[in-house]
N, C-alpha and C. Protein backbone atom coordinates (compact mmCIF):
# COMPACT_ATOMS: atom_id res chain seq x y z
N MET A 1 94.51 79.79 64.52
CA MET A 1 95.17 80.98 64.04
C MET A 1 94.82 82.18 64.92
N VAL A 2 93.54 82.38 65.18
CA VAL A 2 93.12 83.49 66.03
C VAL A 2 93.65 83.28 67.44
N HIS A 3 93.65 82.04 67.89
CA HIS A 3 94.15 81.74 69.22
C HIS A 3 95.62 82.14 69.35
N ASP A 4 96.43 81.87 68.33
CA ASP A 4 97.85 82.24 68.36
C ASP A 4 98.03 83.75 68.39
N GLN A 5 97.18 84.49 67.68
CA GLN A 5 97.29 85.94 67.70
C GLN A 5 96.95 86.48 69.08
N ASN A 6 95.95 85.91 69.73
CA ASN A 6 95.60 86.36 71.07
C ASN A 6 96.70 86.04 72.07
N ARG A 7 97.34 84.89 71.91
CA ARG A 7 98.44 84.54 72.81
C ARG A 7 99.63 85.45 72.61
N ALA A 8 99.84 85.93 71.39
CA ALA A 8 100.98 86.79 71.10
C ALA A 8 100.83 88.16 71.73
N LYS A 9 99.60 88.59 71.96
CA LYS A 9 99.38 89.90 72.56
C LYS A 9 99.62 89.80 74.06
N GLU A 10 100.52 90.60 74.56
CA GLU A 10 100.76 90.62 75.99
C GLU A 10 99.80 91.56 76.71
N PHE A 11 99.45 92.65 76.04
CA PHE A 11 98.63 93.67 76.69
C PHE A 11 97.42 94.00 75.81
N ASP A 12 96.29 94.21 76.45
CA ASP A 12 95.12 94.64 75.70
C ASP A 12 95.20 96.15 75.46
N GLU A 13 94.22 96.69 74.74
CA GLU A 13 94.25 98.11 74.39
C GLU A 13 94.21 99.01 75.61
N ARG A 14 93.45 98.63 76.62
CA ARG A 14 93.38 99.43 77.84
C ARG A 14 94.74 99.53 78.51
N GLN A 15 95.43 98.39 78.59
CA GLN A 15 96.75 98.39 79.22
C GLN A 15 97.75 99.20 78.41
N LEU A 16 97.65 99.14 77.10
CA LEU A 16 98.56 99.93 76.27
C LEU A 16 98.30 101.42 76.46
N LEU A 17 97.05 101.83 76.58
CA LEU A 17 96.72 103.22 76.84
C LEU A 17 97.27 103.66 78.19
N ILE A 18 97.09 102.81 79.19
CA ILE A 18 97.61 103.12 80.52
C ILE A 18 99.12 103.22 80.48
N ARG A 19 99.78 102.31 79.79
CA ARG A 19 101.23 102.36 79.68
C ARG A 19 101.70 103.66 79.03
N GLY A 20 100.99 104.11 78.00
CA GLY A 20 101.33 105.38 77.38
C GLY A 20 101.22 106.53 78.35
N GLN A 21 100.16 106.54 79.16
CA GLN A 21 100.00 107.59 80.17
C GLN A 21 101.10 107.51 81.23
N VAL A 22 101.44 106.31 81.63
CA VAL A 22 102.48 106.12 82.65
C VAL A 22 103.83 106.63 82.12
N PHE A 23 104.16 106.29 80.89
CA PHE A 23 105.42 106.75 80.34
C PHE A 23 105.43 108.26 80.12
N TRP A 24 104.27 108.85 79.83
CA TRP A 24 104.17 110.30 79.73
C TRP A 24 104.47 110.93 81.10
N HIS A 25 103.91 110.35 82.16
CA HIS A 25 104.20 110.84 83.51
C HIS A 25 105.68 110.68 83.84
N GLY A 26 106.27 109.56 83.40
CA GLY A 26 107.71 109.36 83.61
C GLY A 26 108.54 110.41 82.90
N LEU A 27 108.12 110.79 81.70
CA LEU A 27 108.82 111.84 80.96
C LEU A 27 108.72 113.17 81.70
N LEU A 28 107.55 113.48 82.22
CA LEU A 28 107.39 114.72 82.98
C LEU A 28 108.26 114.72 84.23
N VAL A 29 108.31 113.59 84.93
CA VAL A 29 109.18 113.48 86.11
C VAL A 29 110.64 113.67 85.71
N ALA A 30 111.03 113.10 84.59
CA ALA A 30 112.41 113.24 84.11
C ALA A 30 112.74 114.70 83.84
N VAL A 31 111.85 115.39 83.17
CA VAL A 31 112.09 116.80 82.85
C VAL A 31 112.20 117.62 84.13
N VAL A 32 111.30 117.39 85.06
CA VAL A 32 111.33 118.14 86.32
C VAL A 32 112.63 117.87 87.08
N LEU A 33 113.01 116.59 87.19
CA LEU A 33 114.25 116.25 87.91
C LEU A 33 115.47 116.85 87.24
N LEU A 34 115.52 116.80 85.92
CA LEU A 34 116.67 117.37 85.21
C LEU A 34 116.74 118.88 85.35
N VAL A 35 115.59 119.55 85.30
CA VAL A 35 115.57 121.02 85.45
C VAL A 35 115.99 121.41 86.87
N VAL A 36 115.45 120.72 87.86
CA VAL A 36 115.82 121.01 89.26
C VAL A 36 117.31 120.76 89.47
N ASN A 37 117.82 119.65 88.94
CA ASN A 37 119.24 119.34 89.08
C ASN A 37 120.10 120.40 88.39
N ALA A 38 119.69 120.83 87.20
CA ALA A 38 120.45 121.86 86.48
C ALA A 38 120.44 123.18 87.25
N MET A 39 119.29 123.54 87.82
CA MET A 39 119.22 124.79 88.60
C MET A 39 120.11 124.70 89.84
N LEU A 40 120.14 123.54 90.47
CA LEU A 40 121.02 123.37 91.63
C LEU A 40 122.49 123.51 91.22
N GLN A 41 122.85 122.93 90.10
CA GLN A 41 124.24 123.02 89.63
C GLN A 41 124.62 124.44 89.27
N VAL A 42 123.70 125.18 88.66
CA VAL A 42 123.97 126.57 88.31
C VAL A 42 124.23 127.40 89.57
N ASP A 43 123.50 127.09 90.64
CA ASP A 43 123.68 127.80 91.90
C ASP A 43 124.87 127.28 92.70
N GLY A 44 125.58 126.29 92.16
CA GLY A 44 126.76 125.76 92.83
C GLY A 44 126.47 124.70 93.88
N VAL A 45 125.26 124.20 93.93
CA VAL A 45 124.90 123.16 94.90
C VAL A 45 125.21 121.81 94.29
N MET A 46 126.15 121.10 94.88
CA MET A 46 126.48 119.73 94.44
C MET A 46 125.97 118.78 95.52
N TRP A 47 124.74 118.28 95.33
CA TRP A 47 124.14 117.43 96.34
C TRP A 47 124.74 116.04 96.33
N THR A 48 125.40 115.67 95.25
CA THR A 48 126.17 114.44 95.16
C THR A 48 127.03 114.54 93.91
N SER A 49 127.89 113.57 93.66
CA SER A 49 128.76 113.65 92.49
C SER A 49 127.95 113.54 91.21
N GLY A 50 128.52 113.96 90.09
CA GLY A 50 127.81 113.95 88.81
C GLY A 50 127.32 112.57 88.42
N PHE A 51 128.15 111.55 88.61
CA PHE A 51 127.76 110.18 88.27
C PHE A 51 126.56 109.74 89.10
N ALA A 52 126.63 109.97 90.40
CA ALA A 52 125.53 109.54 91.28
C ALA A 52 124.26 110.34 90.99
N GLN A 53 124.38 111.60 90.59
CA GLN A 53 123.21 112.40 90.23
C GLN A 53 122.48 111.75 89.05
N ASN A 54 123.24 111.40 88.03
CA ASN A 54 122.64 110.81 86.84
C ASN A 54 121.99 109.47 87.15
N ILE A 55 122.68 108.62 87.90
CA ILE A 55 122.12 107.31 88.26
C ILE A 55 120.87 107.49 89.10
N PHE A 56 120.92 108.41 90.05
CA PHE A 56 119.77 108.64 90.92
C PHE A 56 118.56 109.12 90.12
N ILE A 57 118.77 110.02 89.19
CA ILE A 57 117.67 110.52 88.37
C ILE A 57 117.06 109.38 87.55
N VAL A 58 117.89 108.56 86.95
CA VAL A 58 117.39 107.42 86.17
C VAL A 58 116.61 106.46 87.06
N LEU A 59 117.15 106.14 88.23
CA LEU A 59 116.47 105.21 89.14
C LEU A 59 115.17 105.81 89.68
N ALA A 60 115.14 107.11 89.90
CA ALA A 60 113.90 107.76 90.35
C ALA A 60 112.83 107.67 89.28
N ILE A 61 113.21 107.86 88.02
CA ILE A 61 112.26 107.74 86.92
C ILE A 61 111.74 106.31 86.82
N VAL A 62 112.65 105.35 86.92
CA VAL A 62 112.24 103.93 86.88
C VAL A 62 111.27 103.63 88.02
N ALA A 63 111.57 104.15 89.20
CA ALA A 63 110.70 103.89 90.36
C ALA A 63 109.31 104.48 90.15
N VAL A 64 109.24 105.71 89.65
CA VAL A 64 107.94 106.35 89.44
C VAL A 64 107.14 105.59 88.39
N VAL A 65 107.78 105.28 87.26
CA VAL A 65 107.08 104.59 86.18
C VAL A 65 106.64 103.19 86.62
N ALA A 66 107.52 102.44 87.26
CA ALA A 66 107.18 101.08 87.68
C ALA A 66 106.08 101.08 88.73
N THR A 67 106.16 101.98 89.69
CA THR A 67 105.15 102.02 90.75
C THR A 67 103.78 102.37 90.18
N GLU A 68 103.73 103.40 89.32
CA GLU A 68 102.44 103.76 88.73
C GLU A 68 101.89 102.65 87.84
N ALA A 69 102.77 102.02 87.08
CA ALA A 69 102.31 100.93 86.20
C ALA A 69 101.80 99.74 87.02
N ILE A 70 102.45 99.43 88.12
CA ILE A 70 101.98 98.34 88.98
C ILE A 70 100.62 98.69 89.57
N LEU A 71 100.49 99.91 90.09
CA LEU A 71 99.23 100.31 90.70
C LEU A 71 98.09 100.34 89.70
N ARG A 72 98.38 100.69 88.46
CA ARG A 72 97.32 100.79 87.44
C ARG A 72 97.12 99.48 86.68
N GLY A 73 97.87 98.45 87.03
CA GLY A 73 97.64 97.12 86.47
C GLY A 73 98.18 96.92 85.07
N SER A 74 99.21 97.65 84.69
CA SER A 74 99.75 97.49 83.33
C SER A 74 101.24 97.20 83.32
N PHE A 75 101.80 96.83 84.44
CA PHE A 75 103.24 96.57 84.49
C PHE A 75 103.57 95.19 83.95
N PHE A 76 102.79 94.22 84.34
CA PHE A 76 103.07 92.84 83.97
C PHE A 76 102.19 92.39 82.80
N GLY A 77 102.78 91.60 81.92
CA GLY A 77 101.99 90.95 80.88
C GLY A 77 101.26 89.75 81.48
N ARG A 78 100.50 89.09 80.66
CA ARG A 78 99.71 87.96 81.16
C ARG A 78 100.58 86.77 81.53
N ARG A 79 101.69 86.59 80.84
CA ARG A 79 102.47 85.37 81.05
C ARG A 79 103.74 85.61 81.87
N GLN A 80 103.97 86.80 82.32
CA GLN A 80 105.19 87.06 83.07
C GLN A 80 105.09 86.51 84.50
N ASN A 81 106.23 86.14 85.04
CA ASN A 81 106.28 85.70 86.42
C ASN A 81 106.39 86.94 87.30
N ARG A 82 105.27 87.35 87.83
CA ARG A 82 105.21 88.60 88.59
C ARG A 82 106.05 88.55 89.85
N TRP A 83 106.00 87.43 90.55
CA TRP A 83 106.72 87.34 91.81
C TRP A 83 108.23 87.40 91.60
N LEU A 84 108.71 86.89 90.49
CA LEU A 84 110.14 86.97 90.20
C LEU A 84 110.58 88.41 90.02
N VAL A 85 109.82 89.18 89.27
CA VAL A 85 110.16 90.59 89.05
C VAL A 85 110.09 91.37 90.36
N ILE A 86 109.06 91.11 91.14
CA ILE A 86 108.93 91.78 92.43
C ILE A 86 110.10 91.42 93.34
N ALA A 87 110.50 90.15 93.33
CA ALA A 87 111.64 89.72 94.14
C ALA A 87 112.93 90.39 93.69
N ILE A 88 113.11 90.54 92.39
CA ILE A 88 114.32 91.20 91.88
C ILE A 88 114.36 92.65 92.35
N PHE A 89 113.22 93.35 92.30
CA PHE A 89 113.18 94.72 92.82
C PHE A 89 113.62 94.75 94.28
N GLY A 90 113.10 93.83 95.07
CA GLY A 90 113.45 93.79 96.49
C GLY A 90 114.91 93.47 96.73
N ILE A 91 115.44 92.51 95.99
CA ILE A 91 116.85 92.14 96.16
C ILE A 91 117.76 93.30 95.78
N VAL A 92 117.45 93.96 94.67
CA VAL A 92 118.26 95.11 94.25
C VAL A 92 118.19 96.22 95.30
N GLY A 93 116.99 96.50 95.79
CA GLY A 93 116.84 97.54 96.81
C GLY A 93 117.61 97.22 98.08
N LEU A 94 117.46 96.00 98.57
CA LEU A 94 118.16 95.61 99.79
C LEU A 94 119.67 95.58 99.59
N ALA A 95 120.11 95.16 98.41
CA ALA A 95 121.56 95.16 98.13
C ALA A 95 122.11 96.58 98.11
N MET A 96 121.37 97.49 97.50
CA MET A 96 121.84 98.88 97.46
C MET A 96 121.92 99.45 98.87
N ILE A 97 120.90 99.20 99.66
CA ILE A 97 120.90 99.71 101.03
C ILE A 97 122.02 99.06 101.83
N GLY A 98 122.13 97.74 101.73
CA GLY A 98 123.14 97.01 102.50
C GLY A 98 124.56 97.39 102.15
N LEU A 99 124.85 97.48 100.86
CA LEU A 99 126.21 97.81 100.45
C LEU A 99 126.61 99.23 100.84
N HIS A 100 125.67 100.14 100.80
CA HIS A 100 126.02 101.54 101.08
C HIS A 100 125.90 101.91 102.55
N THR A 101 125.29 101.06 103.37
CA THR A 101 125.25 101.35 104.81
C THR A 101 126.29 100.54 105.57
N SER A 102 126.74 99.42 105.01
CA SER A 102 127.66 98.55 105.74
C SER A 102 129.11 99.03 105.70
N GLY A 103 129.41 99.94 104.79
CA GLY A 103 130.79 100.38 104.65
C GLY A 103 131.59 99.49 103.72
N ALA A 104 130.93 98.54 103.06
CA ALA A 104 131.63 97.63 102.16
C ALA A 104 132.22 98.36 100.96
N LEU A 105 131.67 99.49 100.61
CA LEU A 105 132.16 100.25 99.45
C LEU A 105 133.02 101.44 99.84
N ASP A 106 133.44 101.51 101.11
CA ASP A 106 134.27 102.64 101.54
C ASP A 106 135.61 102.68 100.82
N THR A 107 136.11 101.54 100.41
CA THR A 107 137.41 101.51 99.74
C THR A 107 137.33 102.08 98.32
N VAL A 108 136.12 102.18 97.77
CA VAL A 108 135.94 102.72 96.42
C VAL A 108 136.19 104.22 96.41
N GLY A 109 136.00 104.87 97.53
CA GLY A 109 136.25 106.30 97.64
C GLY A 109 135.07 107.17 97.27
N LEU A 110 133.86 106.63 97.38
CA LEU A 110 132.68 107.43 97.10
C LEU A 110 132.45 108.43 98.22
N PRO A 111 132.06 109.65 97.88
CA PRO A 111 131.72 110.61 98.94
C PRO A 111 130.46 110.16 99.68
N ARG A 112 130.30 110.66 100.88
CA ARG A 112 129.15 110.29 101.72
C ARG A 112 127.83 110.60 101.01
N SER A 113 127.78 111.70 100.28
CA SER A 113 126.54 112.07 99.60
C SER A 113 126.15 111.03 98.54
N ASP A 114 127.15 110.40 97.91
CA ASP A 114 126.84 109.34 96.93
C ASP A 114 126.21 108.14 97.63
N HIS A 115 126.75 107.79 98.79
CA HIS A 115 126.17 106.67 99.54
C HIS A 115 124.71 106.97 99.90
N ILE A 116 124.44 108.18 100.33
CA ILE A 116 123.07 108.56 100.70
C ILE A 116 122.15 108.48 99.49
N ALA A 117 122.62 108.96 98.33
CA ALA A 117 121.80 108.91 97.11
C ALA A 117 121.47 107.47 96.75
N PHE A 118 122.44 106.57 96.86
CA PHE A 118 122.18 105.17 96.52
C PHE A 118 121.30 104.49 97.57
N ILE A 119 121.40 104.90 98.82
CA ILE A 119 120.51 104.36 99.86
C ILE A 119 119.07 104.77 99.57
N VAL A 120 118.87 106.03 99.18
CA VAL A 120 117.52 106.50 98.83
C VAL A 120 117.00 105.73 97.61
N ALA A 121 117.85 105.48 96.64
CA ALA A 121 117.45 104.70 95.47
C ALA A 121 117.07 103.27 95.89
N GLY A 122 117.82 102.69 96.82
CA GLY A 122 117.48 101.36 97.34
C GLY A 122 116.13 101.36 98.04
N VAL A 123 115.85 102.42 98.78
CA VAL A 123 114.54 102.54 99.43
C VAL A 123 113.43 102.63 98.38
N MET A 124 113.70 103.33 97.27
CA MET A 124 112.71 103.40 96.19
C MET A 124 112.42 102.01 95.62
N PHE A 125 113.46 101.20 95.44
CA PHE A 125 113.26 99.84 94.94
C PHE A 125 112.48 99.01 95.95
N CYS A 126 112.76 99.17 97.23
CA CYS A 126 112.01 98.44 98.25
C CYS A 126 110.55 98.88 98.27
N CYS A 127 110.29 100.17 98.02
CA CYS A 127 108.91 100.65 97.93
C CYS A 127 108.20 100.02 96.73
N MET A 128 108.91 99.88 95.60
CA MET A 128 108.30 99.22 94.44
C MET A 128 107.96 97.78 94.78
N THR A 129 108.82 97.14 95.55
CA THR A 129 108.55 95.76 95.97
C THR A 129 107.30 95.70 96.84
N ALA A 130 107.20 96.61 97.80
CA ALA A 130 106.03 96.63 98.69
C ALA A 130 104.75 96.89 97.90
N VAL A 131 104.81 97.81 96.94
CA VAL A 131 103.63 98.10 96.12
C VAL A 131 103.26 96.88 95.29
N GLY A 132 104.25 96.21 94.72
CA GLY A 132 103.98 95.01 93.93
C GLY A 132 103.36 93.90 94.75
N ILE A 133 103.89 93.68 95.95
CA ILE A 133 103.33 92.64 96.83
C ILE A 133 101.91 92.99 97.22
N ALA A 134 101.69 94.24 97.61
CA ALA A 134 100.34 94.66 98.01
C ALA A 134 99.35 94.52 96.86
N LYS A 135 99.76 94.90 95.67
CA LYS A 135 98.87 94.80 94.50
C LYS A 135 98.54 93.34 94.20
N GLU A 136 99.54 92.47 94.24
CA GLU A 136 99.30 91.04 93.98
C GLU A 136 98.36 90.44 95.02
N LEU A 137 98.59 90.76 96.29
CA LEU A 137 97.73 90.22 97.34
C LEU A 137 96.31 90.77 97.24
N PHE A 138 96.19 92.05 96.88
CA PHE A 138 94.87 92.65 96.71
C PHE A 138 94.12 91.99 95.55
N GLU A 139 94.82 91.77 94.43
CA GLU A 139 94.18 91.11 93.30
C GLU A 139 93.80 89.67 93.61
N ARG A 140 94.65 88.98 94.35
CA ARG A 140 94.34 87.59 94.74
C ARG A 140 93.12 87.54 95.63
N ARG A 141 93.03 88.47 96.58
CA ARG A 141 91.88 88.52 97.48
C ARG A 141 90.60 88.87 96.70
N ALA A 142 90.72 89.78 95.72
CA ALA A 142 89.56 90.17 94.92
C ALA A 142 89.05 88.98 94.09
N LYS A 143 89.97 88.14 93.60
CA LYS A 143 89.56 86.95 92.84
C LYS A 143 88.83 85.94 93.72
N GLU A 144 89.25 85.84 94.98
CA GLU A 144 88.61 84.90 95.91
C GLU A 144 87.20 85.32 96.28
N ASP A 145 86.94 86.62 96.29
CA ASP A 145 85.60 87.12 96.68
C ASP A 145 84.60 87.02 95.60
């Protein structure tokens, strides 16, 4: 019975505390990005279309939260396949970069600034992949020592 309860817990108390701090930082990043974006719009600066602005802000928040959680060791549960999640981040990042640099989406009619915003978001996903790989390799090396 106790064994089943321990298996049901994905995160210990330390990880839950870290996750709370990480999500608090994500909320602060969201507020800052939204305020900066609103101030730019009030001044008439359209750095990209409205849709791409919203997507970019959401992806930036995801990148900040995921990267901090990976670095602080609270992103993955005990039973999750870490390499699969890291691979998905990399595939999404490379797909975003590839689709928006190759001209494959030129027929959609997106402005150039939208393509740049999505390329930057793809780079953020690739950075999350690099951080995840580095963290996994560092932890593996630490276990061997």
